Amino acid sequence: MIAEEQKELVEPLLERAREYWTTSIELYKLKALDKASRVISSLVTRIIMVASFTIFFLFVNIAIALWLGDLLEKSFYGFFWVAGLYFAVWLMFLAFRPGIKKKISDAVIARIMNDDQED
């Protein structure tokens, strides 16, 4: 008789524990899905923005190179000057690369740790 009473008391407790476990698993799945959807949507929008800006930037650089070529009376001179400008930028990037890497790394870590932030 005492064993039956204990069984009647333990069974609802076990059922609640099972429900809690199932709900917790479902909650973690939903949180993971939410985070994944935010990462993917952010990635897609950034890819579109970068692609659009890259096309814009390319055409502006071609226009500048042609304009400089007109001023220098040889169109390929303009392209050499634009290429030289980017070579100088590349050299500066090489010189400051460690500091740039640190700042980018810090920004990525801050973004990951603060996932409540909206885009």
PDB file of N, CA and C in Angstrom:
ATOM      1  N   MET A   1       0.814  -1.192   0.000  1.00  0.00           N
ATOM      2  CA  MET A   1       0.000   0.000   0.000  1.00  0.00           C
ATOM      3  C   MET A   1       0.867   1.271   0.000  1.00  0.00           C
ATOM      4  N   ILE A   2       1.886   1.283   0.809  1.00  0.00           N
ATOM      5  CA  ILE A   2       2.779   2.448   0.852  1.00  0.00           C
ATOM      6  C   ILE A   2       3.518   2.570  -0.485  1.00  0.00           C
ATOM      7  N   ALA A   3       3.893   1.457  -1.076  1.00  0.00           N
ATOM      8  CA  ALA A   3       4.592   1.474  -2.357  1.00  0.00           C
ATOM      9  C   ALA A   3       3.704   2.052  -3.443  1.00  0.00           C
ATOM     10  N   GLU A   4       2.401   1.737  -3.403  1.00  0.00           N
ATOM     11  CA  GLU A   4       1.467   2.276  -4.404  1.00  0.00           C
ATOM     12  C   GLU A   4       1.310   3.775  -4.238  1.00  0.00           C
ATOM     13  N   GLU A   5       1.257   4.253  -3.005  1.00  0.00           N
ATOM     14  CA  GLU A   5       1.138   5.700  -2.752  1.00  0.00           C
ATOM     15  C   GLU A   5       2.387   6.432  -3.242  1.00  0.00           C
ATOM     16  N   GLN A   6       3.529   5.847  -2.985  1.00  0.00           N
ATOM     17  CA  GLN A   6       4.779   6.443  -3.447  1.00  0.00           C
ATOM     18  C   GLN A   6       4.832   6.450  -4.973  1.00  0.00           C
ATOM     19  N   LYS A   7       4.337   5.351  -5.568  1.00  0.00           N
ATOM     20  CA  LYS A   7       4.317   5.267  -7.030  1.00  0.00           C
ATOM     21  C   LYS A   7       3.402   6.340  -7.609  1.00  0.00           C
ATOM     22  N   GLU A   8       2.256   6.554  -6.966  1.00  0.00           N
ATOM     23  CA  GLU A   8       1.313   7.579  -7.431  1.00  0.00           C
ATOM     24  C   GLU A   8       1.908   8.978  -7.281  1.00  0.00           C
ATOM     25  N   LEU A   9       2.747   9.183  -6.272  1.00  0.00           N
ATOM     26  CA  LEU A   9       3.379  10.479  -6.083  1.00  0.00           C
ATOM     27  C   LEU A   9       4.556  10.684  -7.039  1.00  0.00           C
ATOM     28  N   VAL A  10       5.285   9.629  -7.344  1.00  0.00           N
ATOM     29  CA  VAL A  10       6.476   9.722  -8.183  1.00  0.00           C
ATOM     30  C   VAL A  10       6.115   9.834  -9.666  1.00  0.00           C
ATOM     31  N   GLU A  11       5.071   9.143 -10.099  1.00  0.00           N
ATOM     32  CA  GLU A  11       4.711   9.158 -11.527  1.00  0.00           C
ATOM     33  C   GLU A  11       4.434  10.560 -12.058  1.00  0.00           C
ATOM     34  N   PRO A  12       3.623  11.404 -11.394  1.00  0.00           N
ATOM     35  CA  PRO A  12       3.425  12.767 -11.909  1.00  0.00           C
ATOM     36  C   PRO A  12       4.733  13.579 -11.914  1.00  0.00           C
ATOM     37  N   LEU A  13       5.568  13.323 -10.906  1.00  0.00           N
ATOM     38  CA  LEU A  13       6.852  14.015 -10.850  1.00  0.00           C
ATOM     39  C   LEU A  13       7.735  13.630 -12.031  1.00  0.00           C
ATOM     40  N   LEU A  14       7.782  12.355 -12.352  1.00  0.00           N
ATOM     41  CA  LEU A  14       8.547  11.893 -13.509  1.00  0.00           C
ATOM     42  C   LEU A  14       7.969  12.447 -14.809  1.00  0.00           C
ATOM     43  N   GLU A  15       6.649  12.506 -14.895  1.00  0.00           N
ATOM     44  CA  GLU A  15       6.005  13.048 -16.103  1.00  0.00           C
ATOM     45  C   GLU A  15       6.353  14.532 -16.273  1.00  0.00           C
ATOM     46  N   ARG A  16       6.340  15.280 -15.184  1.00  0.00           N
ATOM     47  CA  ARG A  16       6.710  16.704 -15.251  1.00  0.00           C
ATOM     48  C   ARG A  16       8.176  16.869 -15.631  1.00  0.00           C
ATOM     49  N   ALA A  17       9.035  16.024 -15.108  1.00  0.00           N
ATOM     50  CA  ALA A  17      10.459  16.080 -15.456  1.00  0.00           C
ATOM     51  C   ALA A  17      10.649  15.786 -16.938  1.00  0.00           C
ATOM     52  N   ARG A  18       9.917  14.809 -17.469  1.00  0.00           N
ATOM     53  CA  ARG A  18       9.990  14.470 -18.894  1.00  0.00           C
ATOM     54  C   ARG A  18       9.504  15.642 -19.746  1.00  0.00           C
ATOM     55  N   GLU A  19       8.393  16.273 -19.328  1.00  0.00           N
ATOM     56  CA  GLU A  19       7.865  17.431 -20.054  1.00  0.00           C
ATOM     57  C   GLU A  19       8.860  18.596 -20.015  1.00  0.00           C
ATOM     58  N   TYR A  20       9.473  18.810 -18.849  1.00  0.00           N
ATOM     59  CA  TYR A  20      10.469  19.870 -18.714  1.00  0.00           C
ATOM     60  C   TYR A  20      11.650  19.617 -19.646  1.00  0.00           C
ATOM     61  N   TRP A  21      12.132  18.386 -19.676  1.00  0.00           N
ATOM     62  CA  TRP A  21      13.258  18.019 -20.536  1.00  0.00           C
ATOM     63  C   TRP A  21      12.911  18.243 -22.004  1.00  0.00           C
ATOM     64  N   THR A  22      11.725  17.792 -22.414  1.00  0.00           N
ATOM     65  CA  THR A  22      11.286  17.961 -23.805  1.00  0.00           C
ATOM     66  C   THR A  22      11.169  19.445 -24.151  1.00  0.00           C
ATOM     67  N   THR A  23      10.589  20.220 -23.238  1.00  0.00           N
ATOM     68  CA  THR A  23      10.435  21.662 -23.481  1.00  0.00           C
ATOM     69  C   THR A  23      11.796  22.355 -23.554  1.00  0.00           C
ATOM     70  N   SER A  24      12.724  21.963 -22.692  1.00  0.00           N
ATOM     71  CA  SER A  24      14.064  22.552 -22.712  1.00  0.00           C
ATOM     72  C   SER A  24      14.771  22.260 -24.030  1.00  0.00           C
ATOM     73  N   ILE A  25      14.673  21.035 -24.507  1.00  0.00           N
ATOM     74  CA  ILE A  25      15.286  20.672 -25.794  1.00  0.00           C
ATOM     75  C   ILE A  25      14.666  21.490 -26.916  1.00  0.00           C
ATOM     76  N   GLU A  26      13.344  21.623 -26.900  1.00  0.00           N
ATOM     77  CA  GLU A  26      12.647  22.400 -27.930  1.00  0.00           C
ATOM     78  C   GLU A  26      13.094  23.861 -27.879  1.00  0.00           C
ATOM     79  N   LEU A  27      13.246  24.402 -26.677  1.00  0.00           N
ATOM     80  CA  LEU A  27      13.688  25.787 -26.528  1.00  0.00           C
ATOM     81  C   LEU A  27      15.096  25.979 -27.102  1.00  0.00           C
ATOM     82  N   TYR A  28      16.010  25.073 -26.821  1.00  0.00           N
ATOM     83  CA  TYR A  28      17.367  25.173 -27.366  1.00  0.00           C
ATOM     84  C   TYR A  28      17.366  25.065 -28.886  1.00  0.00           C
ATOM     85  N   LYS A  29      16.501  24.199 -29.414  1.00  0.00           N
ATOM     86  CA  LYS A  29      16.396  24.081 -30.881  1.00  0.00           C
ATOM     87  C   LYS A  29      15.917  25.403 -31.481  1.00  0.00           C
ATOM     88  N   LEU A  30      14.899  25.996 -30.858  1.00  0.00           N
ATOM     89  CA  LEU A  30      14.369  27.259 -31.373  1.00  0.00           C
ATOM     90  C   LEU A  30      15.385  28.394 -31.254  1.00  0.00           C
ATOM     91  N   LYS A  31      16.131  28.423 -30.156  1.00  0.00           N
ATOM     92  CA  LYS A  31      17.171  29.449 -30.004  1.00  0.00           C
ATOM     93  C   LYS A  31      18.253  29.277 -31.066  1.00  0.00           C
ATOM     94  N   ALA A  32      18.652  28.042 -31.335  1.00  0.00           N
ATOM     95  CA  ALA A  32      19.668  27.780 -32.361  1.00  0.00           C
ATOM     96  C   ALA A  32      19.147  28.175 -33.741  1.00  0.00           C
ATOM     97  N   LEU A  33      17.878  27.857 -34.007  1.00  0.00           N
ATOM     98  CA  LEU A  33      17.277  28.221 -35.293  1.00  0.00           C
ATOM     99  C   LEU A  33      17.216  29.735 -35.447  1.00  0.00           C
ATOM    100  N   ASP A  34      16.845  30.440 -34.372  1.00  0.00           N
ATOM    101  CA  ASP A  34      16.784  31.897 -34.415  1.00  0.00           C
ATOM    102  C   ASP A  34      18.166  32.494 -34.696  1.00  0.00           C
ATOM    103  N   LYS A  35      19.167  31.991 -34.002  1.00  0.00           N
ATOM    104  CA  LYS A  35      20.527  32.507 -34.197  1.00  0.00           C
ATOM    105  C   LYS A  35      21.014  32.218 -35.620  1.00  0.00           C
ATOM    106  N   ALA A  36      20.760  30.999 -36.107  1.00  0.00           N
ATOM    107  CA  ALA A  36      21.179  30.644 -37.467  1.00  0.00           C
ATOM    108  C   ALA A  36      20.471  31.511 -38.499  1.00  0.00           C
ATOM    109  N   SER A  37      19.176  31.760 -38.303  1.00  0.00           N
ATOM    110  CA  SER A  37      18.450  32.584 -39.276  1.00  0.00           C
ATOM    111  C   SER A  37      18.950  34.020 -39.259  1.00  0.00           C
ATOM    112  N   ARG A  38      19.314  34.532 -38.067  1.00  0.00           N
ATOM    113  CA  ARG A  38      19.870  35.886 -38.005  1.00  0.00           C
ATOM    114  C   ARG A  38      21.226  35.971 -38.696  1.00  0.00           C
ATOM    115  N   VAL A  39      22.055  34.951 -38.482  1.00  0.00           N
ATOM    116  CA  VAL A  39      23.381  34.942 -39.109  1.00  0.00           C
ATOM    117  C   VAL A  39      23.233  34.871 -40.629  1.00  0.00           C
ATOM    118  N   ILE A  40      22.379  33.983 -41.125  1.00  0.00           N
ATOM    119  CA  ILE A  40      22.215  33.814 -42.571  1.00  0.00           C
ATOM    120  C   ILE A  40      21.626  35.073 -43.195  1.00  0.00           C
ATOM    121  N   SER A  41      20.591  35.655 -42.573  1.00  0.00           N
ATOM    122  CA  SER A  41      19.999  36.863 -43.157  1.00  0.00           C
ATOM    123  C   SER A  41      20.988  38.016 -43.153  1.00  0.00           C
ATOM    124  N   SER A  42      21.768  38.129 -42.085  1.00  0.00           N
ATOM    125  CA  SER A  42      22.781  39.175 -42.031  1.00  0.00           C
ATOM    126  C   SER A  42      23.841  38.951 -43.108  1.00  0.00           C
ATOM    127  N   LEU A  43      24.252  37.703 -43.280  1.00  0.00           N
ATOM    128  CA  LEU A  43      25.252  37.375 -44.284  1.00  0.00           C
ATOM    129  C   LEU A  43      24.756  37.683 -45.698  1.00  0.00           C
ATOM    130  N   VAL A  44      23.525  37.295 -45.993  1.00  0.00           N
ATOM    131  CA  VAL A  44      22.976  37.531 -47.334  1.00  0.00           C
ATOM    132  C   VAL A  44      22.876  39.028 -47.615  1.00  0.00           C
ATOM    133  N   THR A  45      22.354  39.797 -46.655  1.00  0.00           N
ATOM    134  CA  THR A  45      22.239  41.241 -46.899  1.00  0.00           C
ATOM    135  C   THR A  45      23.609  41.889 -47.059  1.00  0.00           C
ATOM    136  N   ARG A  46      24.573  41.433 -46.284  1.00  0.00           N
ATOM    137  CA  ARG A  46      25.922  42.015 -46.416  1.00  0.00           C
ATOM    138  C   ARG A  46      26.573  41.632 -47.739  1.00  0.00           C
ATOM    139  N   ILE A  47      26.341  40.417 -48.196  1.00  0.00           N
ATOM    140  CA  ILE A  47      26.879  40.007 -49.499  1.00  0.00           C
ATOM    141  C   ILE A  47      26.291  40.875 -50.603  1.00  0.00           C
ATOM    142  N   ILE A  48      24.989  41.129 -50.540  1.00  0.00           N
ATOM    143  CA  ILE A  48      24.344  41.976 -51.549  1.00  0.00           C
ATOM    144  C   ILE A  48      24.908  43.393 -51.486  1.00  0.00           C
ATOM    145  N   MET A  49      25.085  43.914 -50.271  1.00  0.00           N
ATOM    146  CA  MET A  49      25.632  45.268 -50.132  1.00  0.00           C
ATOM    147  C   MET A  49      27.058  45.344 -50.656  1.00  0.00           C
ATOM    148  N   VAL A  50      27.886  44.356 -50.329  1.00  0.00           N
ATOM    149  CA  VAL A  50      29.281  44.353 -50.785  1.00  0.00           C
ATOM    150  C   VAL A  50      29.342  44.220 -52.305  1.00  0.00           C
ATOM    151  N   ALA A  51      28.523  43.346 -52.874  1.00  0.00           N
ATOM    152  CA  ALA A  51      28.517  43.170 -54.328  1.00  0.00           C
ATOM    153  C   ALA A  51      28.096  44.464 -55.027  1.00  0.00           C
ATOM    154  N   SER A  52      27.054  45.112 -54.520  1.00  0.00           N
ATOM    155  CA  SER A  52      26.595  46.374 -55.116  1.00  0.00           C
ATOM    156  C   SER A  52      27.670  47.444 -55.022  1.00  0.00           C
ATOM    157  N   PHE A  53      28.290  47.556 -53.859  1.00  0.00           N
ATOM    158  CA  PHE A  53      29.335  48.561 -53.689  1.00  0.00           C
ATOM    159  C   PHE A  53      30.543  48.249 -54.570  1.00  0.00           C
ATOM    160  N   THR A  54      30.874  46.975 -54.711  1.00  0.00           N
ATOM    161  CA  THR A  54      32.017  46.588 -55.540  1.00  0.00           C
ATOM    162  C   THR A  54      31.796  46.987 -56.994  1.00  0.00           C
ATOM    163  N   ILE A  55      30.595  46.751 -57.501  1.00  0.00           N
ATOM    164  CA  ILE A  55      30.285  47.139 -58.882  1.00  0.00           C
ATOM    165  C   ILE A  55      30.363  48.658 -59.037  1.00  0.00           C
ATOM    166  N   PHE A  56      29.771  49.376 -58.071  1.00  0.00           N
ATOM    167  CA  PHE A  56      29.843  50.838 -58.095  1.00  0.00           C
ATOM    168  C   PHE A  56      31.294  51.315 -58.085  1.00  0.00           C
ATOM    169  N   PHE A  57      32.080  50.746 -57.155  1.00  0.00           N
ATOM    170  CA  PHE A  57      33.479  51.128 -56.994  1.00  0.00           C
ATOM    171  C   PHE A  57      34.280  50.838 -58.269  1.00  0.00           C
ATOM    172  N   LEU A  58      34.016  49.718 -58.894  1.00  0.00           N
ATOM    173  CA  LEU A  58      34.704  49.358 -60.129  1.00  0.00           C
ATOM    174  C   LEU A  58      34.443  50.392 -61.224  1.00  0.00           C
ATOM    175  N   PHE A  59      33.173  50.754 -61.403  1.00  0.00           N
ATOM    176  CA  PHE A  59      32.849  51.717 -62.448  1.00  0.00           C
ATOM    177  C   PHE A  59      33.406  53.101 -62.148  1.00  0.00           C
ATOM    178  N   VAL A  60      33.413  53.503 -60.885  1.00  0.00           N
ATOM    179  CA  VAL A  60      34.000  54.798 -60.525  1.00  0.00           C
ATOM    180  C   VAL A  60      35.491  54.793 -60.829  1.00  0.00           C
ATOM    181  N   ASN A  61      36.164  53.689 -60.517  1.00  0.00           N
ATOM    182  CA  ASN A  61      37.600  53.613 -60.797  1.00  0.00           C
ATOM    183  C   ASN A  61      37.895  53.610 -62.290  1.00  0.00           C
ATOM    184  N   ILE A  62      37.082  52.947 -63.064  1.00  0.00           N
ATOM    185  CA  ILE A  62      37.264  52.981 -64.518  1.00  0.00           C
ATOM    186  C   ILE A  62      37.075  54.406 -65.033  1.00  0.00           C
ATOM    187  N   ALA A  63      36.037  55.083 -64.505  1.00  0.00           N
ATOM    188  CA  ALA A  63      35.793  56.464 -64.929  1.00  0.00           C
ATOM    189  C   ALA A  63      36.963  57.361 -64.547  1.00  0.00           C
ATOM    190  N   ILE A  64      37.479  57.213 -63.353  1.00  0.00           N
ATOM    191  CA  ILE A  64      38.630  58.027 -62.926  1.00  0.00           C
ATOM    192  C   ILE A  64      39.846  57.734 -63.800  1.00  0.00           C
ATOM    193  N   ALA A  65      40.084  56.464 -64.097  1.00  0.00           N
ATOM    194  CA  ALA A  65      41.231  56.099 -64.939  1.00  0.00           C
ATOM    195  C   ALA A  65      41.080  56.687 -66.341  1.00  0.00           C
ATOM    196  N   LEU A  66      39.884  56.635 -66.902  1.00  0.00           N
ATOM    197  CA  LEU A  66      39.669  57.218 -68.236  1.00  0.00           C
ATOM    198  C   LEU A  66      39.821  58.736 -68.202  1.00  0.00           C
ATOM    199  N   TRP A  67      39.311  59.366 -67.143  1.00  0.00           N
ATOM    200  CA  TRP A  67      39.431  60.812 -67.008  1.00  0.00           C
ATOM    201  C   TRP A  67      40.902  61.221 -66.882  1.00  0.00           C
ATOM    202  N   LEU A  68      41.654  60.498 -66.032  1.00  0.00           N
ATOM    203  CA  LEU A  68      43.092  60.793 -65.915  1.00  0.00           C
ATOM    204  C   LEU A  68      43.807  60.537 -67.243  1.00  0.00           C
ATOM    205  N   GLY A  69      43.400  59.490 -67.945  1.00  0.00           N
ATOM    206  CA  GLY A  69      43.989  59.202 -69.250  1.00  0.00           C
ATOM    207  C   GLY A  69      43.753  60.330 -70.232  1.00  0.00           C
ATOM    208  N   ASP A  70      42.551  60.935 -70.176  1.00  0.00           N
ATOM    209  CA  ASP A  70      42.261  62.089 -71.036  1.00  0.00           C
ATOM    210  C   ASP A  70      43.171  63.270 -70.678  1.00  0.00           C
ATOM    211  N   LEU A  71      43.349  63.495 -69.384  1.00  0.00           N
ATOM    212  CA  LEU A  71      44.207  64.606 -68.958  1.00  0.00           C
ATOM    213  C   LEU A  71      45.660  64.381 -69.363  1.00  0.00           C
ATOM    214  N   LEU A  72      46.108  63.121 -69.316  1.00  0.00           N
ATOM    215  CA  LEU A  72      47.493  62.802 -69.632  1.00  0.00           C
ATOM    216  C   LEU A  72      47.699  62.468 -71.114  1.00  0.00           C
ATOM    217  N   GLU A  73      46.627  62.510 -71.884  1.00  0.00           N
ATOM    218  CA  GLU A  73      46.604  62.304 -73.327  1.00  0.00           C
ATOM    219  C   GLU A  73      46.905  60.880 -73.766  1.00  0.00           C
ATOM    220  N   LYS A  74      46.964  59.943 -72.855  1.00  0.00           N
ATOM    221  CA  LYS A  74      47.077  58.506 -73.155  1.00  0.00           C
ATOM    222  C   LYS A  74      46.198  57.790 -72.139  1.00  0.00           C
ATOM    223  N   SER A  75      45.198  57.068 -72.623  1.00  0.00           N
ATOM    224  CA  SER A  75      44.236  56.476 -71.694  1.00  0.00           C
ATOM    225  C   SER A  75      44.875  55.475 -70.742  1.00  0.00           C
ATOM    226  N   PHE A  76      45.897  54.743 -71.192  1.00  0.00           N
ATOM    227  CA  PHE A  76      46.485  53.740 -70.298  1.00  0.00           C
ATOM    228  C   PHE A  76      47.273  54.381 -69.158  1.00  0.00           C
ATOM    229  N   TYR A  77      47.703  55.646 -69.310  1.00  0.00           N
ATOM    230  CA  TYR A  77      48.375  56.335 -68.205  1.00  0.00           C
ATOM    231  C   TYR A  77      47.430  56.483 -67.002  1.00  0.00           C
ATOM    232  N   GLY A  78      46.195  56.751 -67.278  1.00  0.00           N
ATOM    233  CA  GLY A  78      45.209  56.880 -66.208  1.00  0.00           C
ATOM    234  C   GLY A  78      45.075  55.584 -65.421  1.00  0.00           C
ATOM    235  N   PHE A  79      45.075  54.457 -66.129  1.00  0.00           N
ATOM    236  CA  PHE A  79      44.977  53.170 -65.445  1.00  0.00           C
ATOM    237  C   PHE A  79      46.230  52.886 -64.623  1.00  0.00           C
ATOM    238  N   PHE A  80      47.409  53.317 -65.129  1.00  0.00           N
ATOM    239  CA  PHE A  80      48.635  53.157 -64.353  1.00  0.00           C
ATOM    240  C   PHE A  80      48.583  53.975 -63.059  1.00  0.00           C
ATOM    241  N   TRP A  81      48.073  55.200 -63.146  1.00  0.00           N
ATOM    242  CA  TRP A  81      47.981  56.046 -61.955  1.00  0.00           C
ATOM    243  C   TRP A  81      47.012  55.445 -60.929  1.00  0.00           C
ATOM    244  N   VAL A  82      45.868  54.960 -61.378  1.00  0.00           N
ATOM    245  CA  VAL A  82      44.897  54.345 -60.460  1.00  0.00           C
ATOM    246  C   VAL A  82      45.506  53.090 -59.838  1.00  0.00           C
ATOM    247  N   ALA A  83      46.188  52.282 -60.650  1.00  0.00           N
ATOM    248  CA  ALA A  83      46.838  51.081 -60.119  1.00  0.00           C
ATOM    249  C   ALA A  83      47.916  51.457 -59.109  1.00  0.00           C
ATOM    250  N   GLY A  84      48.664  52.520 -59.375  1.00  0.00           N
ATOM    251  CA  GLY A  84      49.687  52.988 -58.440  1.00  0.00           C
ATOM    252  C   GLY A  84      49.086  53.440 -57.118  1.00  0.00           C
ATOM    253  N   LEU A  85      47.941  54.086 -57.185  1.00  0.00           N
ATOM    254  CA  LEU A  85      47.249  54.495 -55.969  1.00  0.00           C
ATOM    255  C   LEU A  85      46.888  53.271 -55.125  1.00  0.00           C
ATOM    256  N   TYR A  86      46.360  52.245 -55.771  1.00  0.00           N
ATOM    257  CA  TYR A  86      45.985  51.039 -55.020  1.00  0.00           C
ATOM    258  C   TYR A  86      47.209  50.277 -54.514  1.00  0.00           C
ATOM    259  N   PHE A  87      48.293  50.369 -55.226  1.00  0.00           N
ATOM    260  CA  PHE A  87      49.528  49.762 -54.738  1.00  0.00           C
ATOM    261  C   PHE A  87      49.987  50.469 -53.466  1.00  0.00           C
ATOM    262  N   ALA A  88      49.879  51.783 -53.433  1.00  0.00           N
ATOM    263  CA  ALA A  88      50.250  52.548 -52.235  1.00  0.00           C
ATOM    264  C   ALA A  88      49.325  52.197 -51.068  1.00  0.00           C
ATOM    265  N   VAL A  89      48.039  52.053 -51.343  1.00  0.00           N
ATOM    266  CA  VAL A  89      47.087  51.650 -50.295  1.00  0.00           C
ATOM    267  C   VAL A  89      47.450  50.269 -49.773  1.00  0.00           C
ATOM    268  N   TRP A  90      47.817  49.359 -50.672  1.00  0.00           N
ATOM    269  CA  TRP A  90      48.200  48.000 -50.284  1.00  0.00           C
ATOM    270  C   TRP A  90      49.433  48.016 -49.393  1.00  0.00           C
ATOM    271  N   LEU A  91      50.411  48.856 -49.736  1.00  0.00           N
ATOM    272  CA  LEU A  91      51.615  48.967 -48.904  1.00  0.00           C
ATOM    273  C   LEU A  91      51.284  49.497 -47.507  1.00  0.00           C
ATOM    274  N   MET A  92      50.389  50.481 -47.422  1.00  0.00           N
ATOM    275  CA  MET A  92      49.984  50.998 -46.114  1.00  0.00           C
ATOM    276  C   MET A  92      49.241  49.922 -45.318  1.00  0.00           C
ATOM    277  N   PHE A  93      48.415  49.147 -45.995  1.00  0.00           N
ATOM    278  CA  PHE A  93      47.700  48.064 -45.322  1.00  0.00           C
ATOM    279  C   PHE A  93      48.684  47.045 -44.747  1.00  0.00           C
ATOM    280  N   LEU A  94      49.719  46.717 -45.528  1.00  0.00           N
ATOM    281  CA  LEU A  94      50.736  45.793 -45.022  1.00  0.00           C
ATOM    282  C   LEU A  94      51.423  46.353 -43.774  1.00  0.00           C
ATOM    283  N   ALA A  95      51.673  47.638 -43.769  1.00  0.00           N
ATOM    284  CA  ALA A  95      52.365  48.251 -42.639  1.00  0.00           C
ATOM    285  C   ALA A  95      51.501  48.242 -41.376  1.00  0.00           C
ATOM    286  N   PHE A  96      50.200  48.440 -41.528  1.00  0.00           N
ATOM    287  CA  PHE A  96      49.307  48.532 -40.373  1.00  0.00           C
ATOM    288  C   PHE A  96      48.476  47.274 -40.150  1.00  0.00           C
ATOM    289  N   ARG A  97      48.816  46.179 -40.806  1.00  0.00           N
ATOM    290  CA  ARG A  97      48.031  44.955 -40.740  1.00  0.00           C
ATOM    291  C   ARG A  97      47.810  44.416 -39.325  1.00  0.00           C
ATOM    292  N   PRO A  98      48.813  44.352 -38.455  1.00  0.00           N
ATOM    293  CA  PRO A  98      48.554  43.805 -37.108  1.00  0.00           C
ATOM    294  C   PRO A  98      47.481  44.578 -36.337  1.00  0.00           C
ATOM    295  N   GLY A  99      47.526  45.884 -36.400  1.00  0.00           N
ATOM    296  CA  GLY A  99      46.510  46.697 -35.715  1.00  0.00           C
ATOM    297  C   GLY A  99      45.130  46.511 -36.311  1.00  0.00           C
ATOM    298  N   ILE A 100      45.067  46.398 -37.634  1.00  0.00           N
ATOM    299  CA  ILE A 100      43.784  46.202 -38.317  1.00  0.00           C
ATOM    300  C   ILE A 100      43.200  44.849 -37.946  1.00  0.00           C
ATOM    301  N   LYS A 101      44.054  43.805 -37.929  1.00  0.00           N
ATOM    302  CA  LYS A 101      43.582  42.467 -37.565  1.00  0.00           C
ATOM    303  C   LYS A 101      43.022  42.449 -36.152  1.00  0.00           C
ATOM    304  N   LYS A 102      43.686  43.131 -35.230  1.00  0.00           N
ATOM    305  CA  LYS A 102      43.231  43.166 -33.832  1.00  0.00           C
ATOM    306  C   LYS A 102      41.876  43.841 -33.724  1.00  0.00           C
ATOM    307  N   LYS A 103      41.700  44.967 -34.410  1.00  0.00           N
ATOM    308  CA  LYS A 103      40.423  45.683 -34.351  1.00  0.00           C
ATOM    309  C   LYS A 103      39.299  44.856 -34.953  1.00  0.00           C
ATOM    310  N   ILE A 104      39.560  44.183 -36.065  1.00  0.00           N
ATOM    311  CA  ILE A 104      38.533  43.336 -36.688  1.00  0.00           C
ATOM    312  C   ILE A 104      38.192  42.176 -35.772  1.00  0.00           C
ATOM    313  N   SER A 105      39.194  41.551 -35.186  1.00  0.00           N
ATOM    314  CA  SER A 105      38.975  40.434 -34.271  1.00  0.00           C
ATOM    315  C   SER A 105      38.144  40.883 -33.071  1.00  0.00           C
ATOM    316  N   ASP A 106      38.472  42.026 -32.494  1.00  0.00           N
ATOM    317  CA  ASP A 106      37.705  42.544 -31.355  1.00  0.00           C
ATOM    318  C   ASP A 106      36.255  42.828 -31.742  1.00  0.00           C
ATOM    319  N   ALA A 107      36.046  43.377 -32.935  1.00  0.00           N
ATOM    320  CA  ALA A 107      34.689  43.680 -33.381  1.00  0.00           C
ATOM    321  C   ALA A 107      33.868  42.403 -33.583  1.00  0.00           C
ATOM    322  N   VAL A 108      34.492  41.373 -34.151  1.00  0.00           N
ATOM    323  CA  VAL A 108      33.786  40.104 -34.365  1.00  0.00           C
ATOM    324  C   VAL A 108      33.420  39.471 -33.027  1.00  0.00           C
ATOM    325  N   ILE A 109      34.349  39.465 -32.089  1.00  0.00           N
ATOM    326  CA  ILE A 109      34.077  38.880 -30.774  1.00  0.00           C
ATOM    327  C   ILE A 109      32.976  39.657 -30.064  1.00  0.00           C
ATOM    328  N   ALA A 110      33.015  40.972 -30.123  1.00  0.00           N
ATOM    329  CA  ALA A 110      31.972  41.786 -29.488  1.00  0.00           C
ATOM    330  C   ALA A 110      30.613  41.509 -30.118  1.00  0.00           C
ATOM    331  N   ARG A 111      30.580  41.342 -31.423  1.00  0.00           N
ATOM    332  CA  ARG A 111      29.328  41.068 -32.131  1.00  0.00           C
ATOM    333  C   ARG A 111      28.758  39.715 -31.725  1.00  0.00           C
ATOM    334  N   ILE A 112      29.620  38.705 -31.610  1.00  0.00           N
ATOM    335  CA  ILE A 112      29.161  37.366 -31.238  1.00  0.00           C
ATOM    336  C   ILE A 112      28.675  37.354 -29.789  1.00  0.00           C
ATOM    337  N   MET A 113      29.392  38.029 -28.905  1.00  0.00           N
ATOM    338  CA  MET A 113      29.026  38.018 -27.489  1.00  0.00           C
ATOM    339  C   MET A 113      27.765  38.826 -27.210  1.00  0.00           C
ATOM    340  N   ASN A 114      27.478  39.804 -28.019  1.00  0.00           N
ATOM    341  CA  ASN A 114      26.295  40.644 -27.838  1.00  0.00           C
ATOM    342  C   ASN A 114      25.273  40.313 -28.906  1.00  0.00           C
ATOM    343  N   ASP A 115      24.632  39.131 -28.790  1.00  0.00           N
ATOM    344  CA  ASP A 115      23.733  38.675 -29.841  1.00  0.00           C
ATOM    345  C   ASP A 115      22.349  39.310 -29.765  1.00  0.00           C
ATOM    346  N   ASP A 116      22.078  40.172 -28.772  1.00  0.00           N
ATOM    347  CA  ASP A 116      20.797  40.852 -28.698  1.00  0.00           C
ATOM    348  C   ASP A 116      20.742  42.028 -29.652  1.00  0.00           C
ATOM    349  N   GLN A 117      21.882  42.411 -30.182  1.00  0.00           N
ATOM    350  CA  GLN A 117      21.997  43.566 -31.068  1.00  0.00           C
ATOM    351  C   GLN A 117      21.327  43.270 -32.402  1.00  0.00           C
ATOM    352  N   GLU A 118      20.479  44.187 -32.858  1.00  0.00           N
ATOM    353  CA  GLU A 118      19.810  44.038 -34.150  1.00  0.00           C
ATOM    354  C   GLU A 118      20.595  44.761 -35.219  1.00  0.00           C
ATOM    355  N   ASP A 119      20.468  44.285 -36.470  1.00  0.00           N
ATOM    356  CA  ASP A 119      21.178  44.929 -37.606  1.00  0.00           C
ATOM    357  C   ASP A 119      20.459  46.150 -38.066  1.00  0.00           C
TER     358      ASP A 119
END
